[in-house]
Protein backbone atom coordinates (compact mmCIF):
# COMPACT_ATOMS: atom_id res chain seq x y z
CA MET A 1 -143.87 8.98 -74.02
CA SER A 2 -140.36 7.91 -73.45
CA LEU A 3 -139.08 5.31 -71.17
CA ALA A 4 -137.58 7.91 -68.32
CA TRP A 5 -141.17 9.13 -68.19
CA ILE A 6 -142.81 6.00 -67.59
CA VAL A 7 -139.89 5.01 -65.23
CA LEU A 8 -141.15 8.19 -63.58
CA VAL A 9 -144.74 7.84 -63.12
CA LEU A 10 -144.05 3.97 -61.92
CA SER A 11 -141.82 5.30 -59.05
CA GLY A 12 -144.57 7.91 -58.21
CA MET A 13 -147.04 5.63 -57.87
CA LEU A 14 -144.05 3.50 -55.81
CA GLU A 15 -144.07 6.91 -53.55
CA ALA A 16 -147.68 6.33 -52.52
CA VAL A 17 -146.60 2.46 -51.91
CA TRP A 18 -144.03 3.58 -49.25
CA ALA A 19 -145.82 6.50 -47.94
CA THR A 20 -148.87 3.71 -47.15
CA ALA A 21 -146.55 1.01 -45.92
CA LEU A 22 -144.49 3.81 -43.92
CA ASP A 23 -148.43 4.64 -41.97
CA ALA A 24 -148.90 1.38 -41.59
CA SER A 25 -145.64 0.23 -40.10
CA LYS A 26 -146.60 2.11 -36.67
CA GLY A 27 -143.13 4.53 -36.49
CA LEU A 28 -141.30 1.11 -38.06
CA ARG A 29 -142.34 -1.49 -35.63
CA ARG A 30 -144.07 -4.02 -37.65
CA PHE A 31 -141.99 -6.17 -39.86
CA ARG A 32 -144.12 -6.45 -42.97
CA PRO A 33 -144.78 -3.02 -43.46
CA SER A 34 -141.58 -1.82 -42.97
CA ALA A 35 -139.83 -4.11 -45.38
CA LEU A 36 -142.31 -2.76 -47.67
CA PHE A 37 -141.72 0.71 -47.38
CA VAL A 38 -137.74 0.22 -47.77
CA VAL A 39 -138.49 -1.96 -50.90
CA SER A 40 -140.57 0.54 -51.98
CA LEU A 41 -138.75 3.80 -51.24
CA VAL A 42 -135.54 2.36 -52.58
CA ALA A 43 -136.71 1.44 -55.78
CA SER A 44 -138.99 4.81 -55.86
CA MET A 45 -135.82 6.97 -55.49
CA ALA A 46 -133.96 4.50 -57.92
CA GLY A 47 -136.46 5.62 -60.80
CA LEU A 48 -136.96 8.95 -59.61
CA SER A 49 -132.73 9.00 -60.84
CA PHE A 50 -133.07 7.21 -63.99
CA ALA A 51 -135.55 9.93 -64.87
CA LEU A 52 -133.53 12.56 -63.96
CA GLU A 53 -131.06 11.56 -66.72
CA GLU A 54 -133.89 12.51 -69.16
CA ILE A 55 -135.95 15.21 -67.64
CA PRO A 56 -135.10 18.08 -65.58
CA VAL A 57 -135.07 17.70 -61.96
CA GLY A 58 -137.74 20.38 -61.12
CA THR A 59 -140.27 18.64 -64.17
CA ALA A 60 -139.61 15.13 -62.66
CA TYR A 61 -139.42 16.36 -58.99
CA ALA A 62 -143.00 17.91 -59.57
CA VAL A 63 -144.36 14.82 -61.27
CA TRP A 64 -143.13 12.23 -59.00
CA VAL A 65 -144.55 14.05 -55.87
CA GLY A 66 -147.80 14.66 -57.51
CA ILE A 67 -148.40 11.65 -58.49
CA GLY A 68 -147.35 10.37 -55.46
CA ALA A 69 -149.54 12.83 -53.18
CA VAL A 70 -152.54 12.43 -55.09
CA LEU A 71 -152.40 8.26 -54.84
CA THR A 72 -151.84 8.52 -51.36
CA ALA A 73 -154.47 11.17 -50.51
CA ALA A 74 -157.15 8.94 -52.94
CA TRP A 75 -156.08 5.67 -50.85
CA ALA A 76 -156.39 7.45 -47.61
CA MET A 77 -160.04 8.47 -48.67
CA ILE A 78 -160.75 5.25 -50.20
CA THR A 79 -160.18 3.33 -47.37
CA ARG A 80 -161.76 5.83 -45.03
CA LYS A 81 -158.43 6.74 -43.06
CA ASP A 82 -159.17 10.52 -44.54
CA ARG A 83 -162.26 11.86 -45.27
CA ALA A 84 -163.13 12.62 -48.96
CA THR A 85 -164.99 16.00 -49.69
CA VAL A 86 -166.26 17.61 -52.68
CA LEU A 87 -163.40 20.33 -52.22
CA ARG A 88 -160.13 17.27 -51.26
CA VAL A 89 -161.40 15.54 -54.69
CA ALA A 90 -161.69 18.99 -56.55
CA LEU A 91 -158.08 19.99 -55.30
CA LEU A 92 -156.65 16.57 -55.95
CA ILE A 93 -157.92 16.61 -59.83
CA GLY A 94 -156.45 19.86 -60.04
CA LEU A 95 -153.20 18.54 -58.91
CA ILE A 96 -154.12 15.98 -61.35
CA GLY A 97 -154.04 18.66 -64.15
CA CYS A 98 -150.88 20.65 -62.66
CA VAL A 99 -148.90 17.07 -63.41
CA VAL A 100 -150.66 16.27 -66.43
CA GLY A 101 -149.58 20.06 -67.90
CA LEU A 102 -146.12 19.60 -66.90
CA LYS A 103 -145.89 16.45 -69.04
CA ALA A 104 -147.60 18.73 -71.98
CA VAL A 105 -145.18 21.31 -71.53
CA SER A 106 -141.97 19.10 -70.70
């Protein structure tokens, strides 16, 4: 796996961090989650930008969003902010399969 792909995966993980921090910030009214949101957002975007120098935009963006979406949804289920159902978990597994598939064909 190239450095661009490693950075893209890490950036996708940071997308889940900033999405969760944004929720915890309560409309950017709480300082620490707001600060975490800003730092992780900037780092996530910088990583995506770096990855786009090697990976086509359609593939990179789909992978970045897919990783962020799966991790954000999984964290919400783990922390019981969202219901975990068999169908939701199955759909997230399908999304993971799509992300892996995009890497495989790239």
